[in-house]
Amino acid sequence: MNNNKVILVVLDGLNYQTGYDCMGYLQALREQGTAQLYKLTCELPAISRPLYECILTGVTPAVSGIVHNDITRNSDQQSIFSLARQHGLSTAAAAYHWVSELYNRSPYDAVRDRHTEDESQLIQYGVFYHQDHYPDSHLFLDAEWLRRKHDPDFLLVHPMNIDDAGHKAGLDSTLYRNTARFCDIALSDHLPKWIEEGYQILVTSDHGMNNDRSHNGMLSEEREVPLFVIGERFSLAAECHVRQTELCGTICTLLGIDHDKPQNPELIQL
């Protein structure tokens, strides 16, 4: 298959150390030389909607104006979705409904938007959910259904259970750690097929979690998140400092898109 195709997995609310300790399948890929793991420091404020926008546009919240979760409007920045569509590529997302609000239609209407098949939208094919406890296992099945049916050039996969567990029990809790483990197990049902078919895969998080069962500020446990990269286009260099704002541009380069976004050339094997 075309090895320019990219899958971005955003495991909402996954702290770096928890990702390091609990994501056994992803770590197995790293140990066998198939993947590499980097530590990212997320932008501020360390909350969800602003950082969805940051990851997908390369623009910090203070510049984008998406500075808290209650700002309900379309993004006014160029995103991976908009740039992909401008270059004739296809897009899909299995994601929380705030992603639909940022890049398709806002406000979200569950009846209209939950299942999206509309080639006029920036996210042409989508399965969106609006409850934080929507099972990660179901979300990965939604993503795989989109992949098999529509064969998108760019697919966003965005489960929420880790973040939901952190808000219920906090960072240092059995629930939070076990939810990360269950997510890793669910992901292991699909990653082998994605790897076999030649996708370039990034697995990261928007922000971490604290023991107050929240996130927003400067604590390292709130800001430090993992980035696993998998695929033949990646250098897998051990020493590589990656910024969250560079993910958008790096993905656009992998997709073969002309862009002016910040990127990290050390991540990609030239």
C-alpha atoms as a PDB file:
ATOM      1  CA  MET A   1       0.000   0.000   0.000  1.00  0.00           C
ATOM      2  CA  ASN A   2       0.940   3.673  -0.188  1.00  0.00           C
ATOM      3  CA  ASN A   3       3.249   4.186   2.798  1.00  0.00           C
ATOM      4  CA  ASN A   4       2.305   7.878   2.952  1.00  0.00           C
ATOM      5  CA  LYS A   5      -0.881   7.001   4.850  1.00  0.00           C
ATOM      6  CA  VAL A   6      -0.920   8.057   8.502  1.00  0.00           C
ATOM      7  CA  ILE A   7      -2.849   6.980  11.594  1.00  0.00           C
ATOM      8  CA  LEU A   8      -2.682   9.337  14.592  1.00  0.00           C
ATOM      9  CA  VAL A   9      -3.827   7.838  17.902  1.00  0.00           C
ATOM     10  CA  VAL A  10      -4.445  10.362  20.709  1.00  0.00           C
ATOM     11  CA  LEU A  11      -4.925   8.540  24.032  1.00  0.00           C
ATOM     12  CA  ASP A  12      -6.669  11.289  25.946  1.00  0.00           C
ATOM     13  CA  GLY A  13      -5.201  12.113  29.355  1.00  0.00           C
ATOM     14  CA  LEU A  14      -2.268   9.659  29.312  1.00  0.00           C
ATOM     15  CA  ASN A  15       0.615  10.812  31.502  1.00  0.00           C
ATOM     16  CA  TYR A  16       4.113   9.938  30.237  1.00  0.00           C
ATOM     17  CA  GLN A  17       5.181   7.787  33.174  1.00  0.00           C
ATOM     18  CA  THR A  18       1.919   5.841  33.121  1.00  0.00           C
ATOM     19  CA  GLY A  19       2.342   5.295  29.401  1.00  0.00           C
ATOM     20  CA  TYR A  20       5.903   4.105  29.975  1.00  0.00           C
ATOM     21  CA  ASP A  21       4.930   1.752  32.806  1.00  0.00           C
ATOM     22  CA  CYS A  22       1.594   0.385  31.603  1.00  0.00           C
ATOM     23  CA  MET A  23       1.548   0.210  27.797  1.00  0.00           C
ATOM     24  CA  GLY A  24       3.077  -3.247  27.538  1.00  0.00           C
ATOM     25  CA  TYR A  25       2.348  -3.945  23.873  1.00  0.00           C
ATOM     26  CA  LEU A  26       3.661  -0.582  22.713  1.00  0.00           C
ATOM     27  CA  GLN A  27       6.774  -1.123  24.829  1.00  0.00           C
ATOM     28  CA  ALA A  28       7.206  -4.585  23.292  1.00  0.00           C
ATOM     29  CA  LEU A  29       7.273  -2.953  19.857  1.00  0.00           C
ATOM     30  CA  ARG A  30       9.897  -0.527  21.134  1.00  0.00           C
ATOM     31  CA  GLU A  31      12.040  -3.303  22.600  1.00  0.00           C
ATOM     32  CA  GLN A  32      12.032  -5.230  19.310  1.00  0.00           C
ATOM     33  CA  GLY A  33      12.991  -2.124  17.337  1.00  0.00           C
ATOM     34  CA  THR A  34       9.647  -1.591  15.591  1.00  0.00           C
ATOM     35  CA  ALA A  35       8.743   1.557  17.557  1.00  0.00           C
ATOM     36  CA  GLN A  36      10.413   4.403  19.414  1.00  0.00           C
ATOM     37  CA  LEU A  37       9.193   6.323  22.462  1.00  0.00           C
ATOM     38  CA  TYR A  38       9.744  10.027  23.115  1.00  0.00           C
ATOM     39  CA  LYS A  39       8.696  12.310  25.961  1.00  0.00           C
ATOM     40  CA  LEU A  40       6.744  15.410  24.921  1.00  0.00           C
ATOM     41  CA  THR A  41       5.872  18.433  27.035  1.00  0.00           C
ATOM     42  CA  CYS A  42       2.357  19.529  26.128  1.00  0.00           C
ATOM     43  CA  GLU A  43       1.485  23.151  25.503  1.00  0.00           C
ATOM     44  CA  LEU A  44      -0.537  25.250  27.952  1.00  0.00           C
ATOM     45  CA  PRO A  45      -3.189  25.238  29.200  1.00  0.00           C
ATOM     46  CA  ALA A  46      -2.946  21.474  29.626  1.00  0.00           C
ATOM     47  CA  ILE A  47      -6.585  20.740  28.798  1.00  0.00           C
ATOM     48  CA  SER A  48      -8.303  18.841  26.049  1.00  0.00           C
ATOM     49  CA  ARG A  49      -9.939  21.013  23.397  1.00  0.00           C
ATOM     50  CA  PRO A  50      -7.045  23.516  23.244  1.00  0.00           C
ATOM     51  CA  LEU A  51      -4.595  20.653  22.775  1.00  0.00           C
ATOM     52  CA  TYR A  52      -6.662  18.843  20.148  1.00  0.00           C
ATOM     53  CA  GLU A  53      -6.346  22.085  18.207  1.00  0.00           C
ATOM     54  CA  CYS A  54      -2.627  22.300  18.967  1.00  0.00           C
ATOM     55  CA  ILE A  55      -1.871  18.746  17.851  1.00  0.00           C
ATOM     56  CA  LEU A  56      -3.947  19.027  14.683  1.00  0.00           C
ATOM     57  CA  THR A  57      -2.856  22.549  13.642  1.00  0.00           C
ATOM     58  CA  GLY A  58       0.584  23.054  15.200  1.00  0.00           C
ATOM     59  CA  VAL A  59      -0.668  26.289  16.792  1.00  0.00           C
ATOM     60  CA  THR A  60      -0.477  26.929  20.538  1.00  0.00           C
ATOM     61  CA  PRO A  61      -3.713  27.628  22.428  1.00  0.00           C
ATOM     62  CA  ALA A  62      -2.699  31.204  23.249  1.00  0.00           C
ATOM     63  CA  VAL A  63      -2.436  31.904  19.510  1.00  0.00           C
ATOM     64  CA  SER A  64      -5.366  29.804  18.255  1.00  0.00           C
ATOM     65  CA  GLY A  65      -7.757  31.295  20.814  1.00  0.00           C
ATOM     66  CA  ILE A  66      -9.027  27.834  21.785  1.00  0.00           C
ATOM     67  CA  VAL A  67      -7.957  28.315  25.395  1.00  0.00           C
ATOM     68  CA  HIS A  68     -10.521  26.248  27.328  1.00  0.00           C
ATOM     69  CA  ASN A  69     -12.958  23.417  26.774  1.00  0.00           C
ATOM     70  CA  ASP A  70     -16.104  25.552  26.624  1.00  0.00           C
ATOM     71  CA  ILE A  71     -15.112  27.427  23.456  1.00  0.00           C
ATOM     72  CA  THR A  72     -17.467  25.902  20.908  1.00  0.00           C
ATOM     73  CA  ARG A  73     -16.621  26.971  17.370  1.00  0.00           C
ATOM     74  CA  ASN A  74     -14.794  25.892  14.259  1.00  0.00           C
ATOM     75  CA  SER A  75     -11.046  26.220  14.201  1.00  0.00           C
ATOM     76  CA  ASP A  76      -9.819  29.182  12.161  1.00  0.00           C
ATOM     77  CA  GLN A  77      -6.389  27.600  11.593  1.00  0.00           C
ATOM     78  CA  GLN A  78      -5.101  25.358   8.834  1.00  0.00           C
ATOM     79  CA  SER A  79      -5.208  21.790  10.167  1.00  0.00           C
ATOM     80  CA  ILE A  80      -4.066  18.368   9.015  1.00  0.00           C
ATOM     81  CA  PHE A  81      -7.648  17.844   7.855  1.00  0.00           C
ATOM     82  CA  SER A  82      -7.898  21.074   5.849  1.00  0.00           C
ATOM     83  CA  LEU A  83      -4.452  20.684   4.290  1.00  0.00           C
ATOM     84  CA  ALA A  84      -5.170  17.065   3.387  1.00  0.00           C
ATOM     85  CA  ARG A  85      -8.421  18.026   1.691  1.00  0.00           C
ATOM     86  CA  GLN A  86      -6.717  20.870  -0.224  1.00  0.00           C
ATOM     87  CA  HIS A  87      -4.288  18.295  -1.614  1.00  0.00           C
ATOM     88  CA  GLY A  88      -7.003  15.831  -2.594  1.00  0.00           C
ATOM     89  CA  LEU A  89      -6.426  13.391   0.253  1.00  0.00           C
ATOM     90  CA  SER A  90      -9.184  11.642   2.180  1.00  0.00           C
ATOM     91  CA  THR A  91      -9.773  12.056   5.916  1.00  0.00           C
ATOM     92  CA  ALA A  92     -11.490  10.162   8.717  1.00  0.00           C
ATOM     93  CA  ALA A  93     -11.787  10.292  12.503  1.00  0.00           C
ATOM     94  CA  ALA A  94     -13.128   8.132  15.298  1.00  0.00           C
ATOM     95  CA  ALA A  95     -13.043  10.760  18.008  1.00  0.00           C
ATOM     96  CA  TYR A  96     -14.707  12.785  20.746  1.00  0.00           C
ATOM     97  CA  HIS A  97     -17.349  15.189  19.475  1.00  0.00           C
ATOM     98  CA  TRP A  98     -15.217  18.265  20.185  1.00  0.00           C
ATOM     99  CA  VAL A  99     -13.084  17.229  17.200  1.00  0.00           C
ATOM    100  CA  SER A 100     -16.185  17.360  15.014  1.00  0.00           C
ATOM    101  CA  GLU A 101     -16.965  20.832  16.380  1.00  0.00           C
ATOM    102  CA  LEU A 102     -13.461  22.083  15.624  1.00  0.00           C
ATOM    103  CA  TYR A 103     -13.211  20.825  12.047  1.00  0.00           C
ATOM    104  CA  ASN A 104     -16.698  19.995  10.758  1.00  0.00           C
ATOM    105  CA  ARG A 105     -19.859  21.543  12.203  1.00  0.00           C
ATOM    106  CA  SER A 106     -20.393  23.413  15.452  1.00  0.00           C
ATOM    107  CA  PRO A 107     -22.259  22.962  17.696  1.00  0.00           C
ATOM    108  CA  TYR A 108     -22.333  19.178  17.530  1.00  0.00           C
ATOM    109  CA  ASP A 109     -25.705  17.609  16.766  1.00  0.00           C
ATOM    110  CA  ALA A 110     -25.522  13.933  17.711  1.00  0.00           C
ATOM    111  CA  VAL A 111     -28.257  12.806  15.314  1.00  0.00           C
ATOM    112  CA  ARG A 112     -26.664  14.653  12.394  1.00  0.00           C
ATOM    113  CA  ASP A 113     -22.977  14.308  13.211  1.00  0.00           C
ATOM    114  CA  ARG A 114     -22.337  11.106  15.168  1.00  0.00           C
ATOM    115  CA  HIS A 115     -22.020   9.127  11.934  1.00  0.00           C
ATOM    116  CA  THR A 116     -20.550  11.359   9.231  1.00  0.00           C
ATOM    117  CA  GLU A 117     -20.178  10.478   5.567  1.00  0.00           C
ATOM    118  CA  ASP A 118     -19.907  13.826   3.810  1.00  0.00           C
ATOM    119  CA  GLU A 119     -17.151  14.510   1.305  1.00  0.00           C
ATOM    120  CA  SER A 120     -17.716  18.274   1.625  1.00  0.00           C
ATOM    121  CA  GLN A 121     -16.520  18.260   5.252  1.00  0.00           C
ATOM    122  CA  LEU A 122     -12.888  18.531   6.369  1.00  0.00           C
ATOM    123  CA  ILE A 123     -13.381  15.222   8.193  1.00  0.00           C
ATOM    124  CA  GLN A 124     -15.191  13.363   5.455  1.00  0.00           C
ATOM    125  CA  TYR A 125     -15.853  10.155   7.355  1.00  0.00           C
ATOM    126  CA  GLY A 126     -16.389  10.122  11.091  1.00  0.00           C
ATOM    127  CA  VAL A 127     -17.732   8.245  14.058  1.00  0.00           C
ATOM    128  CA  PHE A 128     -17.993  10.698  16.957  1.00  0.00           C
ATOM    129  CA  TYR A 129     -19.033  10.067  20.558  1.00  0.00           C
ATOM    130  CA  HIS A 130     -20.141  12.396  23.350  1.00  0.00           C
ATOM    131  CA  GLN A 131     -19.843  10.438  26.613  1.00  0.00           C
ATOM    132  CA  ASP A 132     -16.433  10.145  28.268  1.00  0.00           C
ATOM    133  CA  HIS A 133     -17.011   6.517  29.286  1.00  0.00           C
ATOM    134  CA  TYR A 134     -17.658   5.400  25.694  1.00  0.00           C
ATOM    135  CA  PRO A 135     -15.568   2.192  25.672  1.00  0.00           C
ATOM    136  CA  ASP A 136     -12.101   2.427  24.171  1.00  0.00           C
ATOM    137  CA  SER A 137     -12.575  -1.049  22.695  1.00  0.00           C
ATOM    138  CA  HIS A 138     -15.631   0.200  20.789  1.00  0.00           C
ATOM    139  CA  LEU A 139     -13.774   3.330  19.675  1.00  0.00           C
ATOM    140  CA  PHE A 140     -10.965   1.249  18.158  1.00  0.00           C
ATOM    141  CA  LEU A 141     -13.590  -0.843  16.353  1.00  0.00           C
ATOM    142  CA  ASP A 142     -15.151   2.373  15.021  1.00  0.00           C
ATOM    143  CA  ALA A 143     -11.740   3.434  13.728  1.00  0.00           C
ATOM    144  CA  GLU A 144     -11.069   0.074  12.106  1.00  0.00           C
ATOM    145  CA  TRP A 145     -14.487   0.140  10.434  1.00  0.00           C
ATOM    146  CA  LEU A 146     -13.701   3.584   9.004  1.00  0.00           C
ATOM    147  CA  ARG A 147     -10.301   2.375   7.829  1.00  0.00           C
ATOM    148  CA  ARG A 148     -11.657  -0.698   6.088  1.00  0.00           C
ATOM    149  CA  LYS A 149     -14.675   1.002   4.523  1.00  0.00           C
ATOM    150  CA  HIS A 150     -13.148   4.310   3.411  1.00  0.00           C
ATOM    151  CA  ASP A 151      -9.370   3.674   3.270  1.00  0.00           C
ATOM    152  CA  PRO A 152      -8.536   7.262   4.338  1.00  0.00           C
ATOM    153  CA  ASP A 153      -5.125   8.813   3.803  1.00  0.00           C
ATOM    154  CA  PHE A 154      -5.288  10.291   7.313  1.00  0.00           C
ATOM    155  CA  LEU A 155      -7.144   8.660  10.205  1.00  0.00           C
ATOM    156  CA  LEU A 156      -7.466  10.136  13.706  1.00  0.00           C
ATOM    157  CA  VAL A 157      -8.211   7.654  16.509  1.00  0.00           C
ATOM    158  CA  HIS A 158      -9.134   9.278  19.831  1.00  0.00           C
ATOM    159  CA  PRO A 159     -10.321   7.227  22.856  1.00  0.00           C
ATOM    160  CA  MET A 160     -11.268   8.856  26.180  1.00  0.00           C
ATOM    161  CA  ASN A 161     -11.309   6.209  28.938  1.00  0.00           C
ATOM    162  CA  ILE A 162      -7.863   6.989  30.390  1.00  0.00           C
ATOM    163  CA  ASP A 163      -8.780  10.634  30.916  1.00  0.00           C
ATOM    164  CA  ASP A 164     -12.162   9.625  32.342  1.00  0.00           C
ATOM    165  CA  ALA A 165     -10.452   7.297  34.844  1.00  0.00           C
ATOM    166  CA  GLY A 166      -8.047  10.055  35.886  1.00  0.00           C
ATOM    167  CA  HIS A 167     -10.899  12.453  36.585  1.00  0.00           C
ATOM    168  CA  LYS A 168     -12.619   9.789  38.677  1.00  0.00           C
ATOM    169  CA  ALA A 169      -9.647   8.441  40.649  1.00  0.00           C
ATOM    170  CA  GLY A 170      -6.549  10.567  39.996  1.00  0.00           C
ATOM    171  CA  LEU A 171      -3.107   9.857  38.585  1.00  0.00           C
ATOM    172  CA  ASP A 172      -1.844   7.559  41.342  1.00  0.00           C
ATOM    173  CA  SER A 173      -4.745   5.126  41.269  1.00  0.00           C
ATOM    174  CA  THR A 174      -5.418   1.540  40.324  1.00  0.00           C
ATOM    175  CA  LEU A 175      -8.264   2.652  38.052  1.00  0.00           C
ATOM    176  CA  TYR A 176      -6.089   5.051  36.050  1.00  0.00           C
ATOM    177  CA  ARG A 177      -3.227   2.597  35.583  1.00  0.00           C
ATOM    178  CA  ASN A 178      -5.482  -0.339  34.737  1.00  0.00           C
ATOM    179  CA  THR A 179      -7.436   1.740  32.231  1.00  0.00           C
ATOM    180  CA  ALA A 180      -4.156   2.516  30.469  1.00  0.00           C
ATOM    181  CA  ARG A 181      -3.348  -1.202  30.451  1.00  0.00           C
ATOM    182  CA  PHE A 182      -6.772  -2.084  29.038  1.00  0.00           C
ATOM    183  CA  CYS A 183      -6.335   0.555  26.334  1.00  0.00           C
ATOM    184  CA  ASP A 184      -2.965  -0.914  25.361  1.00  0.00           C
ATOM    185  CA  ILE A 185      -4.549  -4.369  25.119  1.00  0.00           C
ATOM    186  CA  ALA A 186      -7.399  -3.038  22.959  1.00  0.00           C
ATOM    187  CA  LEU A 187      -4.924  -1.233  20.718  1.00  0.00           C
ATOM    188  CA  SER A 188      -2.922  -4.449  20.306  1.00  0.00           C
ATOM    189  CA  ASP A 189      -5.926  -5.976  18.513  1.00  0.00           C
ATOM    190  CA  HIS A 190      -5.467  -3.508  15.642  1.00  0.00           C
ATOM    191  CA  LEU A 191      -1.877  -2.282  15.500  1.00  0.00           C
ATOM    192  CA  PRO A 192      -0.435  -5.484  13.937  1.00  0.00           C
ATOM    193  CA  LYS A 193      -2.745  -5.104  10.923  1.00  0.00           C
ATOM    194  CA  TRP A 194      -1.943  -1.397  10.589  1.00  0.00           C
ATOM    195  CA  ILE A 195       1.775  -2.163  10.740  1.00  0.00           C
ATOM    196  CA  GLU A 196       1.427  -5.013   8.227  1.00  0.00           C
ATOM    197  CA  GLU A 197      -0.354  -2.693   5.795  1.00  0.00           C
ATOM    198  CA  GLY A 198       2.402  -0.093   5.985  1.00  0.00           C
ATOM    199  CA  TYR A 199       0.799   2.810   7.848  1.00  0.00           C
ATOM    200  CA  GLN A 200       2.923   5.442   9.550  1.00  0.00           C
ATOM    201  CA  ILE A 201       1.536   5.452  13.102  1.00  0.00           C
ATOM    202  CA  LEU A 202       1.878   7.977  15.920  1.00  0.00           C
ATOM    203  CA  VAL A 203       0.477   7.226  19.392  1.00  0.00           C
ATOM    204  CA  THR A 204       0.475  10.176  21.778  1.00  0.00           C
ATOM    205  CA  SER A 205      -1.669  12.098  24.268  1.00  0.00           C
ATOM    206  CA  ASP A 206      -2.995  15.615  24.585  1.00  0.00           C
ATOM    207  CA  HIS A 207      -2.082  16.075  28.279  1.00  0.00           C
ATOM    208  CA  GLY A 208      -1.390  14.127  31.452  1.00  0.00           C
ATOM    209  CA  MET A 209      -3.143  13.934  34.820  1.00  0.00           C
ATOM    210  CA  ASN A 210      -2.567  14.917  38.456  1.00  0.00           C
ATOM    211  CA  ASN A 211      -3.578  13.523  41.840  1.00  0.00           C
ATOM    212  CA  ASP A 212      -6.248  16.203  42.186  1.00  0.00           C
ATOM    213  CA  ARG A 213      -8.094  14.370  39.387  1.00  0.00           C
ATOM    214  CA  SER A 214      -7.553  17.252  36.976  1.00  0.00           C
ATOM    215  CA  HIS A 215      -5.062  18.910  34.623  1.00  0.00           C
ATOM    216  CA  ASN A 216      -4.460  22.435  33.371  1.00  0.00           C
ATOM    217  CA  GLY A 217      -1.156  23.839  34.578  1.00  0.00           C
ATOM    218  CA  MET A 218       2.567  23.425  35.009  1.00  0.00           C
ATOM    219  CA  LEU A 219       2.964  20.181  36.976  1.00  0.00           C
ATOM    220  CA  SER A 220       5.192  17.733  35.121  1.00  0.00           C
ATOM    221  CA  GLU A 221       2.635  14.968  35.535  1.00  0.00           C
ATOM    222  CA  GLU A 222       0.095  17.179  33.751  1.00  0.00           C
ATOM    223  CA  ARG A 223       2.402  18.231  30.910  1.00  0.00           C
ATOM    224  CA  GLU A 224       4.603  15.218  30.140  1.00  0.00           C
ATOM    225  CA  VAL A 225       3.038  12.837  27.609  1.00  0.00           C
ATOM    226  CA  PRO A 226       4.334   9.936  25.507  1.00  0.00           C
ATOM    227  CA  LEU A 227       4.872   9.783  21.772  1.00  0.00           C
ATOM    228  CA  PHE A 228       5.314   6.333  20.241  1.00  0.00           C
ATOM    229  CA  VAL A 229       6.151   6.273  16.523  1.00  0.00           C
ATOM    230  CA  ILE A 230       5.879   3.178  14.332  1.00  0.00           C
ATOM    231  CA  GLY A 231       6.577   2.812  10.618  1.00  0.00           C
ATOM    232  CA  GLU A 232       9.330   2.604   8.031  1.00  0.00           C
ATOM    233  CA  ARG A 233       9.298   6.356   7.402  1.00  0.00           C
ATOM    234  CA  PHE A 234      10.431   7.114  10.964  1.00  0.00           C
ATOM    235  CA  SER A 235      14.113   7.355  11.870  1.00  0.00           C
ATOM    236  CA  LEU A 236      13.496   5.789  15.316  1.00  0.00           C
ATOM    237  CA  ALA A 237      16.419   7.916  16.517  1.00  0.00           C
ATOM    238  CA  ALA A 238      16.875   7.503  20.265  1.00  0.00           C
ATOM    239  CA  GLU A 239      17.833  11.124  20.915  1.00  0.00           C
ATOM    240  CA  CYS A 240      15.176  13.352  19.415  1.00  0.00           C
ATOM    241  CA  HIS A 241      13.520  16.326  21.115  1.00  0.00           C
ATOM    242  CA  VAL A 242       9.967  16.651  19.829  1.00  0.00           C
ATOM    243  CA  ARG A 243       7.543  19.494  20.499  1.00  0.00           C
ATOM    244  CA  GLN A 244       3.784  19.027  20.476  1.00  0.00           C
ATOM    245  CA  THR A 245       3.502  21.857  17.947  1.00  0.00           C
ATOM    246  CA  GLU A 246       5.648  19.826  15.511  1.00  0.00           C
ATOM    247  CA  LEU A 247       3.257  16.884  15.228  1.00  0.00           C
ATOM    248  CA  CYS A 248       0.975  18.551  12.670  1.00  0.00           C
ATOM    249  CA  GLY A 249       3.792  19.493  10.299  1.00  0.00           C
ATOM    250  CA  THR A 250       5.521  16.143  10.684  1.00  0.00           C
ATOM    251  CA  ILE A 251       2.292  14.330   9.795  1.00  0.00           C
ATOM    252  CA  CYS A 252       1.739  16.622   6.797  1.00  0.00           C
ATOM    253  CA  THR A 253       5.239  15.775   5.569  1.00  0.00           C
ATOM    254  CA  LEU A 254       4.513  12.059   5.972  1.00  0.00           C
ATOM    255  CA  LEU A 255       1.320  12.569   3.938  1.00  0.00           C
ATOM    256  CA  GLY A 256       3.297  14.272   1.166  1.00  0.00           C
ATOM    257  CA  ILE A 257       1.565  17.619   1.696  1.00  0.00           C
ATOM    258  CA  ASP A 258       3.185  20.997   1.004  1.00  0.00           C
ATOM    259  CA  HIS A 259       2.878  23.081   4.181  1.00  0.00           C
ATOM    260  CA  ASP A 260       4.460  25.804   6.291  1.00  0.00           C
ATOM    261  CA  LYS A 261       3.859  24.169   9.674  1.00  0.00           C
ATOM    262  CA  PRO A 262       6.667  23.573  12.185  1.00  0.00           C
ATOM    263  CA  GLN A 263       7.937  20.000  11.970  1.00  0.00           C
ATOM    264  CA  ASN A 264      10.685  17.776  13.314  1.00  0.00           C
ATOM    265  CA  PRO A 265      12.937  16.472  10.517  1.00  0.00           C
ATOM    266  CA  GLU A 266      14.834  14.248  12.977  1.00  0.00           C
ATOM    267  CA  LEU A 267      11.713  12.098  13.403  1.00  0.00           C
ATOM    268  CA  ILE A 268      11.556  11.173   9.725  1.00  0.00           C
ATOM    269  CA  GLN A 269      13.948   8.953   7.813  1.00  0.00           C
ATOM    270  CA  LEU A 270      14.929  10.879   4.689  1.00  0.00           C
END
